[in-house]
Amino acid sequence: MSERYARQELFYGIGKEGQKILMEKTAVLVGCGALGCTSANLLVRSGIKHLRIIDRDYLEESNLQRQSLFDEEDIKQNFPKAVAAQKKLQKINSLIQIESLVADLNPSNIDTLLRQVHLVVDGTDNFETRFLINDYCVKNGIPWIYGACIGSTGLTMNIIPSKTPCFRCILGTIPLFGTYGTCDTEGIIAPIASMIASIQAAEALKILTNNHDALSKGLLRIDLWRNEIKRMHTEEIKGETDCITCNQNYYEFLSKDRYSMTTTLCGRNAVQILHPDGSSLDLPKLAERLAKAGEVSYNSFLLRLKTEKYEMTVFPDGRSVISGTNDIATAKGLYAKYIGM
């Protein structure tokens, strides 16, 4: 075996046998922002067999403050985050398979994107996707690791189906829009994202090497600015709540009717719109058609249209992110005007 993992093999919790197990495992990272960049970096360096990165977004200058895999050149190249991450990570470890998927995880594609994996790591920025992941993982018995950050505070929790409370046991349902802070309203400092992601990666190594006795228990909350660390012990919740997901086996968020076709993006003055029937756009032809509407640029991954007030980023599957508004009706109008419904 390569000397690459020699120091990791010396660690009592993994050893040579644990490394062999790790090198047969597949993990999926959903979201490659501040959390995802650090988690992906650490997992790739650890020597898992296969890392699949799913991210729906493209790079912006404001990402560079905390998203450690990216640089200014990636922005100049108009790379989606998943693609830029894959290119960097493959240079770090050419021995493993790294897959980048520029996609929005939703009920229509989740079975394809998360099938036959050993672990899901949460790097998302919204409750709807987390509830979707929770439903799928609980239904299919797949462990997943929740993570979230805002300001100087971060949260993380291991969710092991049939053994721990699930995400819905703890939260119940999606909080009402406008009742919780976002990165856009509260900001975020990079160290808390790196810390939470590092904890997620450590827990991932435990899960993937079958060291379940060493797993962190409950919901961990860390505030780096106030130097506070708190743990909510959740073990007693399992069995005491009548959770509709893990106790009643009702998977609400896997329903296509339940999932939003429009989403206001956290930390952005932007709205994402999914094409209702899916699509396959010819970006060069679309660029030609939109040439008179504003400034157009494109590559094989995305097309960008800049008008006087708005910026529209369109992906080959028909998905679009409209920047310059948080109003869903306005975004839908712009999508219909330039792309069609």
C-alpha atoms as a PDB file:
ATOM      1  CA  MET A   1       0.000   0.000   0.000  1.00  0.00           C
ATOM      2  CA  SER A   2       1.156   3.545  -0.722  1.00  0.00           C
ATOM      3  CA  GLU A   3       2.908   5.534   2.002  1.00  0.00           C
ATOM      4  CA  ARG A   4       0.301   8.239   1.401  1.00  0.00           C
ATOM      5  CA  TYR A   5      -1.849   7.029   4.322  1.00  0.00           C
ATOM      6  CA  ALA A   6       0.956   5.838   6.619  1.00  0.00           C
ATOM      7  CA  ARG A   7       0.334   8.397   9.376  1.00  0.00           C
ATOM      8  CA  GLN A   8      -3.396   7.744   9.326  1.00  0.00           C
ATOM      9  CA  GLU A   9      -2.754   3.992   9.616  1.00  0.00           C
ATOM     10  CA  LEU A  10      -0.645   4.611  12.730  1.00  0.00           C
ATOM     11  CA  PHE A  11      -3.680   6.087  14.470  1.00  0.00           C
ATOM     12  CA  TYR A  12      -5.249   3.483  16.756  1.00  0.00           C
ATOM     13  CA  GLY A  13      -8.796   4.293  15.657  1.00  0.00           C
ATOM     14  CA  ILE A  14      -8.133   3.388  12.025  1.00  0.00           C
ATOM     15  CA  GLY A  15      -5.029   1.272  11.551  1.00  0.00           C
ATOM     16  CA  LYS A  16      -4.217  -0.733   8.429  1.00  0.00           C
ATOM     17  CA  GLU A  17      -7.489  -2.667   8.547  1.00  0.00           C
ATOM     18  CA  GLY A  18      -9.524   0.501   8.926  1.00  0.00           C
ATOM     19  CA  GLN A  19      -7.713   2.037   5.972  1.00  0.00           C
ATOM     20  CA  LYS A  20      -8.545  -0.976   3.822  1.00  0.00           C
ATOM     21  CA  ILE A  21     -12.203  -0.613   4.780  1.00  0.00           C
ATOM     22  CA  LEU A  22     -12.112   3.128   4.070  1.00  0.00           C
ATOM     23  CA  MET A  23     -10.719   2.532   0.597  1.00  0.00           C
ATOM     24  CA  GLU A  24     -13.861   0.563  -0.322  1.00  0.00           C
ATOM     25  CA  LYS A  25     -16.331   3.248   0.740  1.00  0.00           C
ATOM     26  CA  THR A  26     -18.393   5.787  -1.203  1.00  0.00           C
ATOM     27  CA  ALA A  27     -19.550   9.069   0.307  1.00  0.00           C
ATOM     28  CA  VAL A  28     -21.779  11.751  -1.141  1.00  0.00           C
ATOM     29  CA  LEU A  29     -21.341  15.415  -0.307  1.00  0.00           C
ATOM     30  CA  VAL A  30     -24.475  17.501  -0.908  1.00  0.00           C
ATOM     31  CA  GLY A  31     -23.416  21.138  -1.232  1.00  0.00           C
ATOM     32  CA  CYS A  32     -19.877  22.359  -1.803  1.00  0.00           C
ATOM     33  CA  GLY A  33     -19.848  25.701  -0.033  1.00  0.00           C
ATOM     34  CA  ALA A  34     -17.987  26.600   3.156  1.00  0.00           C
ATOM     35  CA  LEU A  35     -18.746  23.303   4.889  1.00  0.00           C
ATOM     36  CA  GLY A  36     -18.459  21.181   1.775  1.00  0.00           C
ATOM     37  CA  CYS A  37     -15.058  22.467   0.715  1.00  0.00           C
ATOM     38  CA  THR A  38     -13.413  21.479   3.986  1.00  0.00           C
ATOM     39  CA  SER A  39     -15.269  18.163   4.260  1.00  0.00           C
ATOM     40  CA  ALA A  40     -14.399  17.226   0.678  1.00  0.00           C
ATOM     41  CA  ASN A  41     -10.747  18.146   1.134  1.00  0.00           C
ATOM     42  CA  LEU A  42     -10.390  16.011   4.267  1.00  0.00           C
ATOM     43  CA  LEU A  43     -12.300  13.021   2.881  1.00  0.00           C
ATOM     44  CA  VAL A  44     -10.282  12.992  -0.338  1.00  0.00           C
ATOM     45  CA  ARG A  45      -7.025  13.132   1.607  1.00  0.00           C
ATOM     46  CA  SER A  46      -8.206  10.295   3.867  1.00  0.00           C
ATOM     47  CA  GLY A  47      -8.365   7.865   0.943  1.00  0.00           C
ATOM     48  CA  ILE A  48     -11.994   6.865   0.539  1.00  0.00           C
ATOM     49  CA  LYS A  49     -12.744   5.020  -2.679  1.00  0.00           C
ATOM     50  CA  HIS A  50     -15.252   7.399  -4.223  1.00  0.00           C
ATOM     51  CA  LEU A  51     -16.502  10.899  -3.424  1.00  0.00           C
ATOM     52  CA  ARG A  52     -19.538  12.241  -5.260  1.00  0.00           C
ATOM     53  CA  ILE A  53     -20.014  16.013  -5.044  1.00  0.00           C
ATOM     54  CA  ILE A  54     -23.488  17.399  -5.736  1.00  0.00           C
ATOM     55  CA  ASP A  55     -23.875  21.153  -5.928  1.00  0.00           C
ATOM     56  CA  ARG A  56     -26.330  23.343  -7.813  1.00  0.00           C
ATOM     57  CA  ASP A  57     -24.434  26.631  -7.609  1.00  0.00           C
ATOM     58  CA  TYR A  58     -21.739  28.589  -9.426  1.00  0.00           C
ATOM     59  CA  LEU A  59     -18.865  30.617  -8.005  1.00  0.00           C
ATOM     60  CA  GLU A  60     -18.986  34.246  -6.898  1.00  0.00           C
ATOM     61  CA  GLU A  61     -16.345  36.513  -5.384  1.00  0.00           C
ATOM     62  CA  SER A  62     -18.022  36.478  -1.957  1.00  0.00           C
ATOM     63  CA  ASN A  63     -17.424  32.703  -1.773  1.00  0.00           C
ATOM     64  CA  LEU A  64     -13.644  33.101  -1.544  1.00  0.00           C
ATOM     65  CA  GLN A  65     -13.757  34.391   2.044  1.00  0.00           C
ATOM     66  CA  ARG A  66     -14.698  30.952   3.416  1.00  0.00           C
ATOM     67  CA  GLN A  67     -14.814  28.335   0.623  1.00  0.00           C
ATOM     68  CA  SER A  68     -11.283  27.011   0.749  1.00  0.00           C
ATOM     69  CA  LEU A  69     -11.096  24.981  -2.485  1.00  0.00           C
ATOM     70  CA  PHE A  70     -11.694  27.932  -4.798  1.00  0.00           C
ATOM     71  CA  ASP A  71      -9.631  30.824  -6.140  1.00  0.00           C
ATOM     72  CA  GLU A  72     -10.005  33.852  -8.397  1.00  0.00           C
ATOM     73  CA  GLU A  73      -9.186  31.897 -11.530  1.00  0.00           C
ATOM     74  CA  ASP A  74     -12.173  29.597 -10.946  1.00  0.00           C
ATOM     75  CA  ILE A  75     -14.431  32.645 -10.981  1.00  0.00           C
ATOM     76  CA  LYS A  76     -12.874  33.933 -14.193  1.00  0.00           C
ATOM     77  CA  GLN A  77     -13.546  30.540 -15.779  1.00  0.00           C
ATOM     78  CA  ASN A  78     -17.243  30.633 -14.767  1.00  0.00           C
ATOM     79  CA  PHE A  79     -16.930  27.214 -13.155  1.00  0.00           C
ATOM     80  CA  PRO A  80     -19.799  25.696 -11.171  1.00  0.00           C
ATOM     81  CA  LYS A  81     -18.659  24.849  -7.646  1.00  0.00           C
ATOM     82  CA  ALA A  82     -18.825  21.087  -8.142  1.00  0.00           C
ATOM     83  CA  VAL A  83     -16.621  21.259 -11.241  1.00  0.00           C
ATOM     84  CA  ALA A  84     -14.051  23.597  -9.678  1.00  0.00           C
ATOM     85  CA  ALA A  85     -13.916  21.399  -6.565  1.00  0.00           C
ATOM     86  CA  GLN A  86     -13.417  18.211  -8.576  1.00  0.00           C
ATOM     87  CA  LYS A  87     -10.539  19.743 -10.526  1.00  0.00           C
ATOM     88  CA  LYS A  88      -8.744  20.801  -7.327  1.00  0.00           C
ATOM     89  CA  LEU A  89      -9.416  17.593  -5.423  1.00  0.00           C
ATOM     90  CA  GLN A  90      -8.239  15.299  -8.200  1.00  0.00           C
ATOM     91  CA  LYS A  91      -4.859  17.050  -8.057  1.00  0.00           C
ATOM     92  CA  ILE A  92      -4.747  16.343  -4.322  1.00  0.00           C
ATOM     93  CA  ASN A  93      -5.484  12.632  -4.685  1.00  0.00           C
ATOM     94  CA  SER A  94      -5.410  11.041  -8.126  1.00  0.00           C
ATOM     95  CA  LEU A  95      -5.870   7.558  -6.624  1.00  0.00           C
ATOM     96  CA  ILE A  96      -9.575   7.917  -5.871  1.00  0.00           C
ATOM     97  CA  GLN A  97     -12.683   8.534  -7.931  1.00  0.00           C
ATOM     98  CA  ILE A  98     -14.106  12.034  -7.595  1.00  0.00           C
ATOM     99  CA  GLU A  99     -17.368  12.749  -9.335  1.00  0.00           C
ATOM    100  CA  SER A 100     -18.873  16.218  -9.823  1.00  0.00           C
ATOM    101  CA  LEU A 101     -22.582  16.665 -10.460  1.00  0.00           C
ATOM    102  CA  VAL A 102     -23.952  20.138 -11.176  1.00  0.00           C
ATOM    103  CA  ALA A 103     -27.483  19.455 -10.033  1.00  0.00           C
ATOM    104  CA  ASP A 104     -30.198  20.466  -7.616  1.00  0.00           C
ATOM    105  CA  LEU A 105     -31.007  17.529  -5.365  1.00  0.00           C
ATOM    106  CA  ASN A 106     -34.776  17.008  -5.499  1.00  0.00           C
ATOM    107  CA  PRO A 107     -37.342  14.187  -5.382  1.00  0.00           C
ATOM    108  CA  SER A 108     -36.993  13.552  -9.122  1.00  0.00           C
ATOM    109  CA  ASN A 109     -33.278  12.730  -9.001  1.00  0.00           C
ATOM    110  CA  ILE A 110     -32.449  11.826  -5.402  1.00  0.00           C
ATOM    111  CA  ASP A 111     -32.695   8.067  -5.916  1.00  0.00           C
ATOM    112  CA  THR A 112     -30.258   8.250  -8.813  1.00  0.00           C
ATOM    113  CA  LEU A 113     -27.825  10.587  -7.050  1.00  0.00           C
ATOM    114  CA  LEU A 114     -27.774   8.924  -3.612  1.00  0.00           C
ATOM    115  CA  ARG A 115     -28.238   5.279  -4.532  1.00  0.00           C
ATOM    116  CA  GLN A 116     -25.671   2.727  -3.293  1.00  0.00           C
ATOM    117  CA  VAL A 117     -23.643   5.049  -1.075  1.00  0.00           C
ATOM    118  CA  HIS A 118     -22.361   4.417   2.425  1.00  0.00           C
ATOM    119  CA  LEU A 119     -22.704   7.951   3.799  1.00  0.00           C
ATOM    120  CA  VAL A 120     -24.206  11.347   3.012  1.00  0.00           C
ATOM    121  CA  VAL A 121     -22.505  14.518   4.293  1.00  0.00           C
ATOM    122  CA  ASP A 122     -24.619  17.668   4.529  1.00  0.00           C
ATOM    123  CA  GLY A 123     -23.037  20.810   3.111  1.00  0.00           C
ATOM    124  CA  THR A 124     -26.337  22.453   2.159  1.00  0.00           C
ATOM    125  CA  ASP A 125     -27.734  25.840   3.100  1.00  0.00           C
ATOM    126  CA  ASN A 126     -31.490  25.213   3.349  1.00  0.00           C
ATOM    127  CA  PHE A 127     -33.968  23.232   5.417  1.00  0.00           C
ATOM    128  CA  GLU A 128     -35.939  21.787   2.507  1.00  0.00           C
ATOM    129  CA  THR A 129     -32.940  19.892   1.117  1.00  0.00           C
ATOM    130  CA  ARG A 130     -32.009  18.628   4.584  1.00  0.00           C
ATOM    131  CA  PHE A 131     -35.513  17.264   5.171  1.00  0.00           C
ATOM    132  CA  LEU A 132     -35.324  15.645   1.737  1.00  0.00           C
ATOM    133  CA  ILE A 133     -31.978  14.013   2.607  1.00  0.00           C
ATOM    134  CA  ASN A 134     -33.388  12.898   5.946  1.00  0.00           C
ATOM    135  CA  ASP A 135     -36.413  11.233   4.338  1.00  0.00           C
ATOM    136  CA  TYR A 136     -34.310   9.398   1.771  1.00  0.00           C
ATOM    137  CA  CYS A 137     -31.615   8.288   4.214  1.00  0.00           C
ATOM    138  CA  VAL A 138     -34.057   7.115   6.886  1.00  0.00           C
ATOM    139  CA  LYS A 139     -36.089   5.209   4.282  1.00  0.00           C
ATOM    140  CA  ASN A 140     -32.982   3.522   2.862  1.00  0.00           C
ATOM    141  CA  GLY A 141     -30.961   3.071   6.062  1.00  0.00           C
ATOM    142  CA  ILE A 142     -28.107   5.389   5.033  1.00  0.00           C
ATOM    143  CA  PRO A 143     -26.209   7.355   7.729  1.00  0.00           C
ATOM    144  CA  TRP A 144     -25.921  11.106   7.193  1.00  0.00           C
ATOM    145  CA  ILE A 145     -24.211  13.938   9.021  1.00  0.00           C
ATOM    146  CA  TYR A 146     -26.043  17.241   9.470  1.00  0.00           C
ATOM    147  CA  GLY A 147     -24.057  20.466   9.503  1.00  0.00           C
ATOM    148  CA  ALA A 148     -24.970  24.165   9.531  1.00  0.00           C
ATOM    149  CA  CYS A 149     -23.234  27.478  10.238  1.00  0.00           C
ATOM    150  CA  ILE A 150     -24.221  31.109  10.601  1.00  0.00           C
ATOM    151  CA  GLY A 151     -22.310  34.005  12.129  1.00  0.00           C
ATOM    152  CA  SER A 152     -19.842  32.391  14.534  1.00  0.00           C
ATOM    153  CA  THR A 153     -22.126  29.491  15.448  1.00  0.00           C
ATOM    154  CA  GLY A 154     -22.228  25.988  14.007  1.00  0.00           C
ATOM    155  CA  LEU A 155     -24.289  22.842  14.530  1.00  0.00           C
ATOM    156  CA  THR A 156     -23.663  19.223  13.663  1.00  0.00           C
ATOM    157  CA  MET A 157     -25.297  15.874  14.411  1.00  0.00           C
ATOM    158  CA  ASN A 158     -24.935  12.284  13.291  1.00  0.00           C
ATOM    159  CA  ILE A 159     -28.139  10.656  12.077  1.00  0.00           C
ATOM    160  CA  ILE A 160     -27.947   6.859  11.998  1.00  0.00           C
ATOM    161  CA  PRO A 161     -31.304   5.383  10.906  1.00  0.00           C
ATOM    162  CA  SER A 162     -32.945   3.090  13.500  1.00  0.00           C
ATOM    163  CA  LYS A 163     -30.236   3.964  16.055  1.00  0.00           C
ATOM    164  CA  THR A 164     -30.482   7.736  16.612  1.00  0.00           C
ATOM    165  CA  PRO A 165     -33.231  10.348  16.360  1.00  0.00           C
ATOM    166  CA  CYS A 166     -33.628  11.655  12.826  1.00  0.00           C
ATOM    167  CA  PHE A 167     -33.584  15.269  11.717  1.00  0.00           C
ATOM    168  CA  ARG A 168     -37.374  15.469  11.878  1.00  0.00           C
ATOM    169  CA  CYS A 169     -37.388  14.114  15.448  1.00  0.00           C
ATOM    170  CA  ILE A 170     -35.357  17.155  16.466  1.00  0.00           C
ATOM    171  CA  LEU A 171     -36.791  19.935  14.315  1.00  0.00           C
ATOM    172  CA  GLY A 172     -40.326  18.746  13.619  1.00  0.00           C
ATOM    173  CA  THR A 173     -40.854  20.719  10.451  1.00  0.00           C
ATOM    174  CA  ILE A 174     -39.340  23.516   8.373  1.00  0.00           C
ATOM    175  CA  PRO A 175     -39.321  26.799  10.322  1.00  0.00           C
ATOM    176  CA  LEU A 176     -41.472  29.525   8.830  1.00  0.00           C
ATOM    177  CA  PHE A 177     -39.662  31.588   6.217  1.00  0.00           C
ATOM    178  CA  GLY A 178     -38.337  34.808   7.743  1.00  0.00           C
ATOM    179  CA  THR A 179     -38.178  33.430  11.296  1.00  0.00           C
ATOM    180  CA  TYR A 180     -34.525  32.363  11.121  1.00  0.00           C
ATOM    181  CA  GLY A 181     -31.322  34.156  10.175  1.00  0.00           C
ATOM    182  CA  THR A 182     -29.305  33.511   7.034  1.00  0.00           C
ATOM    183  CA  CYS A 183     -25.750  34.272   5.968  1.00  0.00           C
ATOM    184  CA  ASP A 184     -27.228  37.234   4.109  1.00  0.00           C
ATOM    185  CA  THR A 185     -28.600  38.756   7.318  1.00  0.00           C
ATOM    186  CA  GLU A 186     -26.159  37.500   9.953  1.00  0.00           C
ATOM    187  CA  GLY A 187     -22.941  36.964   8.010  1.00  0.00           C
ATOM    188  CA  ILE A 188     -20.464  34.174   8.701  1.00  0.00           C
ATOM    189  CA  ILE A 189     -16.821  33.818   9.650  1.00  0.00           C
ATOM    190  CA  ALA A 190     -14.723  31.146   7.974  1.00  0.00           C
ATOM    191  CA  PRO A 191     -13.277  29.454  11.104  1.00  0.00           C
ATOM    192  CA  ILE A 192     -16.662  28.172  12.316  1.00  0.00           C
ATOM    193  CA  ALA A 193     -17.351  26.565   8.940  1.00  0.00           C
ATOM    194  CA  SER A 194     -13.928  24.914   8.967  1.00  0.00           C
ATOM    195  CA  MET A 195     -14.445  23.632  12.506  1.00  0.00           C
ATOM    196  CA  ILE A 196     -17.902  22.151  11.907  1.00  0.00           C
ATOM    197  CA  ALA A 197     -16.773  20.585   8.622  1.00  0.00           C
ATOM    198  CA  SER A 198     -13.718  19.103  10.340  1.00  0.00           C
ATOM    199  CA  ILE A 199     -15.979  17.515  12.941  1.00  0.00           C
ATOM    200  CA  GLN A 200     -18.221  16.186  10.162  1.00  0.00           C
ATOM    201  CA  ALA A 201     -15.187  14.680   8.437  1.00  0.00           C
ATOM    202  CA  ALA A 202     -13.998  13.040  11.655  1.00  0.00           C
ATOM    203  CA  GLU A 203     -17.445  11.558  12.246  1.00  0.00           C
ATOM    204  CA  ALA A 204     -17.482  10.390   8.628  1.00  0.00           C
ATOM    205  CA  LEU A 205     -14.230   8.487   9.181  1.00  0.00           C
ATOM    206  CA  LYS A 206     -15.762   6.784  12.230  1.00  0.00           C
ATOM    207  CA  ILE A 207     -18.895   5.776  10.319  1.00  0.00           C
ATOM    208  CA  LEU A 208     -17.021   4.595   7.237  1.00  0.00           C
ATOM    209  CA  THR A 209     -14.576   2.475   9.276  1.00  0.00           C
ATOM    210  CA  ASN A 210     -17.381   1.024  11.429  1.00  0.00           C
ATOM    211  CA  ASN A 211     -16.250   2.761  14.628  1.00  0.00           C
ATOM    212  CA  HIS A 212     -19.806   3.501  15.747  1.00  0.00           C
ATOM    213  CA  ASP A 213     -18.957   3.362  19.467  1.00  0.00           C
ATOM    214  CA  ALA A 214     -16.740   6.425  19.008  1.00  0.00           C
ATOM    215  CA  LEU A 215     -19.441   8.557  17.349  1.00  0.00           C
ATOM    216  CA  SER A 216     -20.431  11.897  18.816  1.00  0.00           C
ATOM    217  CA  LYS A 217     -23.883  11.673  20.362  1.00  0.00           C
ATOM    218  CA  GLY A 218     -26.582  14.312  20.164  1.00  0.00           C
ATOM    219  CA  LEU A 219     -26.633  17.771  18.622  1.00  0.00           C
ATOM    220  CA  LEU A 220     -23.370  19.679  19.029  1.00  0.00           C
ATOM    221  CA  ARG A 221     -23.472  23.507  19.047  1.00  0.00           C
ATOM    222  CA  ILE A 222     -20.296  25.607  18.940  1.00  0.00           C
ATOM    223  CA  ASP A 223     -20.000  29.401  19.109  1.00  0.00           C
ATOM    224  CA  LEU A 224     -16.387  30.333  18.368  1.00  0.00           C
ATOM    225  CA  TRP A 225     -16.833  34.019  19.137  1.00  0.00           C
ATOM    226  CA  ARG A 226     -18.176  33.383  22.645  1.00  0.00           C
ATOM    227  CA  ASN A 227     -16.053  30.263  23.147  1.00  0.00           C
ATOM    228  CA  GLU A 228     -19.113  28.167  23.958  1.00  0.00           C
ATOM    229  CA  ILE A 229     -19.572  24.455  23.309  1.00  0.00           C
ATOM    230  CA  LYS A 230     -22.906  22.821  24.150  1.00  0.00           C
ATOM    231  CA  ARG A 231     -24.339  19.400  23.472  1.00  0.00           C
ATOM    232  CA  MET A 232     -28.023  18.543  23.336  1.00  0.00           C
ATOM    233  CA  HIS A 233     -28.402  14.886  24.259  1.00  0.00           C
ATOM    234  CA  THR A 234     -31.013  13.536  21.873  1.00  0.00           C
ATOM    235  CA  GLU A 235     -30.911   9.809  22.578  1.00  0.00           C
ATOM    236  CA  GLU A 236     -33.951   9.961  24.834  1.00  0.00           C
ATOM    237  CA  ILE A 237     -36.033  11.553  22.069  1.00  0.00           C
ATOM    238  CA  LYS A 238     -36.029   8.386  19.966  1.00  0.00           C
ATOM    239  CA  GLY A 239     -39.101   6.379  20.886  1.00  0.00           C
ATOM    240  CA  GLU A 240     -40.668   9.208  22.882  1.00  0.00           C
ATOM    241  CA  THR A 241     -41.788  11.213  19.853  1.00  0.00           C
ATOM    242  CA  ASP A 242     -44.263  10.049  17.258  1.00  0.00           C
ATOM    243  CA  CYS A 243     -41.975  11.141  14.412  1.00  0.00           C
ATOM    244  CA  ILE A 244     -43.803  10.750  11.113  1.00  0.00           C
ATOM    245  CA  THR A 245     -40.529   9.924   9.345  1.00  0.00           C
ATOM    246  CA  CYS A 246     -38.720   7.328  11.429  1.00  0.00           C
ATOM    247  CA  ASN A 247     -41.649   6.057  13.512  1.00  0.00           C
ATOM    248  CA  GLN A 248     -44.502   6.239  11.008  1.00  0.00           C
ATOM    249  CA  ASN A 249     -42.423   5.661   7.841  1.00  0.00           C
ATOM    250  CA  TYR A 250     -44.041   8.623   6.081  1.00  0.00           C
ATOM    251  CA  TYR A 251     -41.567  10.322   3.740  1.00  0.00           C
ATOM    252  CA  GLU A 252     -43.274  13.581   2.917  1.00  0.00           C
ATOM    253  CA  PHE A 253     -40.341  15.325   1.267  1.00  0.00           C
ATOM    254  CA  LEU A 254     -39.798  12.562  -1.272  1.00  0.00           C
ATOM    255  CA  SER A 255     -43.073  13.578  -2.906  1.00  0.00           C
ATOM    256  CA  LYS A 256     -42.643  15.673  -6.052  1.00  0.00           C
ATOM    257  CA  ASP A 257     -45.744  17.620  -5.071  1.00  0.00           C
ATOM    258  CA  ARG A 258     -44.105  18.652  -1.781  1.00  0.00           C
ATOM    259  CA  TYR A 259     -40.899  20.022  -3.275  1.00  0.00           C
ATOM    260  CA  SER A 260     -40.680  23.638  -4.401  1.00  0.00           C
ATOM    261  CA  MET A 261     -39.897  24.409  -8.029  1.00  0.00           C
ATOM    262  CA  THR A 262     -38.667  27.824  -6.860  1.00  0.00           C
ATOM    263  CA  THR A 263     -36.248  28.493  -4.010  1.00  0.00           C
ATOM    264  CA  THR A 264     -34.947  31.719  -2.497  1.00  0.00           C
ATOM    265  CA  LEU A 265     -31.217  31.117  -2.023  1.00  0.00           C
ATOM    266  CA  CYS A 266     -29.631  31.633   1.379  1.00  0.00           C
ATOM    267  CA  GLY A 267     -27.174  34.499   1.585  1.00  0.00           C
ATOM    268  CA  ARG A 268     -28.019  35.698  -1.908  1.00  0.00           C
ATOM    269  CA  ASN A 269     -30.390  38.172  -3.475  1.00  0.00           C
ATOM    270  CA  ALA A 270     -31.395  35.395  -5.843  1.00  0.00           C
ATOM    271  CA  VAL A 271     -34.054  32.828  -6.725  1.00  0.00           C
ATOM    272  CA  GLN A 272     -33.523  29.372  -8.203  1.00  0.00           C
ATOM    273  CA  ILE A 273     -36.085  28.015 -10.656  1.00  0.00           C
ATOM    274  CA  LEU A 274     -36.317  24.407 -11.798  1.00  0.00           C
ATOM    275  CA  HIS A 275     -37.804  23.596 -15.179  1.00  0.00           C
ATOM    276  CA  PRO A 276     -41.113  21.815 -14.416  1.00  0.00           C
ATOM    277  CA  ASP A 277     -40.480  18.905 -16.803  1.00  0.00           C
ATOM    278  CA  GLY A 278     -36.701  18.900 -16.883  1.00  0.00           C
ATOM    279  CA  SER A 279     -34.952  20.026 -20.021  1.00  0.00           C
ATOM    280  CA  SER A 280     -31.895  19.768 -22.200  1.00  0.00           C
ATOM    281  CA  LEU A 281     -30.799  23.170 -23.398  1.00  0.00           C
ATOM    282  CA  ASP A 282     -28.394  23.873 -26.219  1.00  0.00           C
ATOM    283  CA  LEU A 283     -26.386  26.634 -24.562  1.00  0.00           C
ATOM    284  CA  PRO A 284     -24.708  27.942 -27.762  1.00  0.00           C
ATOM    285  CA  LYS A 285     -28.101  28.304 -29.457  1.00  0.00           C
ATOM    286  CA  LEU A 286     -29.558  29.930 -26.359  1.00  0.00           C
ATOM    287  CA  ALA A 287     -26.616  32.355 -26.264  1.00  0.00           C
ATOM    288  CA  GLU A 288     -27.303  33.305 -29.870  1.00  0.00           C
ATOM    289  CA  ARG A 289     -30.983  33.879 -29.128  1.00  0.00           C
ATOM    290  CA  LEU A 290     -30.256  36.018 -26.050  1.00  0.00           C
ATOM    291  CA  ALA A 291     -27.460  38.075 -27.617  1.00  0.00           C
ATOM    292  CA  LYS A 292     -29.660  41.153 -27.985  1.00  0.00           C
ATOM    293  CA  ALA A 293     -31.117  40.889 -24.487  1.00  0.00           C
ATOM    294  CA  GLY A 294     -27.899  41.732 -22.664  1.00  0.00           C
ATOM    295  CA  GLU A 295     -24.325  40.642 -22.061  1.00  0.00           C
ATOM    296  CA  VAL A 296     -24.041  36.882 -22.665  1.00  0.00           C
ATOM    297  CA  SER A 297     -21.215  34.478 -21.831  1.00  0.00           C
ATOM    298  CA  TYR A 298     -21.205  30.692 -21.642  1.00  0.00           C
ATOM    299  CA  ASN A 299     -19.161  27.517 -21.433  1.00  0.00           C
ATOM    300  CA  SER A 300     -20.113  23.848 -21.417  1.00  0.00           C
ATOM    301  CA  PHE A 301     -21.382  24.098 -17.830  1.00  0.00           C
ATOM    302  CA  LEU A 302     -23.540  27.226 -17.785  1.00  0.00           C
ATOM    303  CA  LEU A 303     -24.718  30.359 -19.588  1.00  0.00           C
ATOM    304  CA  ARG A 304     -24.819  33.780 -17.983  1.00  0.00           C
ATOM    305  CA  LEU A 305     -27.026  36.673 -19.115  1.00  0.00           C
ATOM    306  CA  LYS A 306     -26.483  40.119 -17.582  1.00  0.00           C
ATOM    307  CA  THR A 307     -29.153  42.771 -18.053  1.00  0.00           C
ATOM    308  CA  GLU A 308     -29.373  46.233 -16.532  1.00  0.00           C
ATOM    309  CA  LYS A 309     -31.036  45.039 -13.318  1.00  0.00           C
ATOM    310  CA  TYR A 310     -30.655  41.266 -13.195  1.00  0.00           C
ATOM    311  CA  GLU A 311     -28.260  38.426 -13.849  1.00  0.00           C
ATOM    312  CA  MET A 312     -29.495  35.028 -15.009  1.00  0.00           C
ATOM    313  CA  THR A 313     -27.372  31.877 -14.842  1.00  0.00           C
ATOM    314  CA  VAL A 314     -28.789  28.976 -16.842  1.00  0.00           C
ATOM    315  CA  PHE A 315     -27.676  25.337 -16.693  1.00  0.00           C
ATOM    316  CA  PRO A 316     -28.063  22.688 -19.405  1.00  0.00           C
ATOM    317  CA  ASP A 317     -30.877  20.953 -17.492  1.00  0.00           C
ATOM    318  CA  GLY A 318     -33.025  24.085 -17.685  1.00  0.00           C
ATOM    319  CA  ARG A 319     -32.393  25.134 -14.103  1.00  0.00           C
ATOM    320  CA  SER A 320     -31.730  28.824 -13.608  1.00  0.00           C
ATOM    321  CA  VAL A 321     -30.599  31.184 -10.856  1.00  0.00           C
ATOM    322  CA  ILE A 322     -31.917  34.736 -11.182  1.00  0.00           C
ATOM    323  CA  SER A 323     -29.834  37.235  -9.198  1.00  0.00           C
ATOM    324  CA  GLY A 324     -30.984  40.721  -8.301  1.00  0.00           C
ATOM    325  CA  THR A 325     -34.298  39.783  -6.700  1.00  0.00           C
ATOM    326  CA  ASN A 326     -35.712  37.693  -3.868  1.00  0.00           C
ATOM    327  CA  ASP A 327     -39.212  37.948  -5.304  1.00  0.00           C
ATOM    328  CA  ILE A 328     -40.339  34.605  -6.728  1.00  0.00           C
ATOM    329  CA  ALA A 329     -42.957  36.148  -9.020  1.00  0.00           C
ATOM    330  CA  THR A 330     -40.370  38.483 -10.545  1.00  0.00           C
ATOM    331  CA  ALA A 331     -37.930  35.610 -11.029  1.00  0.00           C
ATOM    332  CA  LYS A 332     -40.580  33.444 -12.683  1.00  0.00           C
ATOM    333  CA  GLY A 333     -41.458  36.300 -15.015  1.00  0.00           C
ATOM    334  CA  LEU A 334     -37.838  36.706 -16.063  1.00  0.00           C
ATOM    335  CA  TYR A 335     -37.461  32.968 -16.589  1.00  0.00           C
ATOM    336  CA  ALA A 336     -40.555  32.860 -18.794  1.00  0.00           C
ATOM    337  CA  LYS A 337     -39.409  35.937 -20.718  1.00  0.00           C
ATOM    338  CA  TYR A 338     -35.930  34.693 -21.569  1.00  0.00           C
ATOM    339  CA  ILE A 339     -36.082  30.892 -21.330  1.00  0.00           C
ATOM    340  CA  GLY A 340     -39.772  29.944 -21.549  1.00  0.00           C
ATOM    341  CA  MET A 341     -41.796  27.587 -19.361  1.00  0.00           C
END
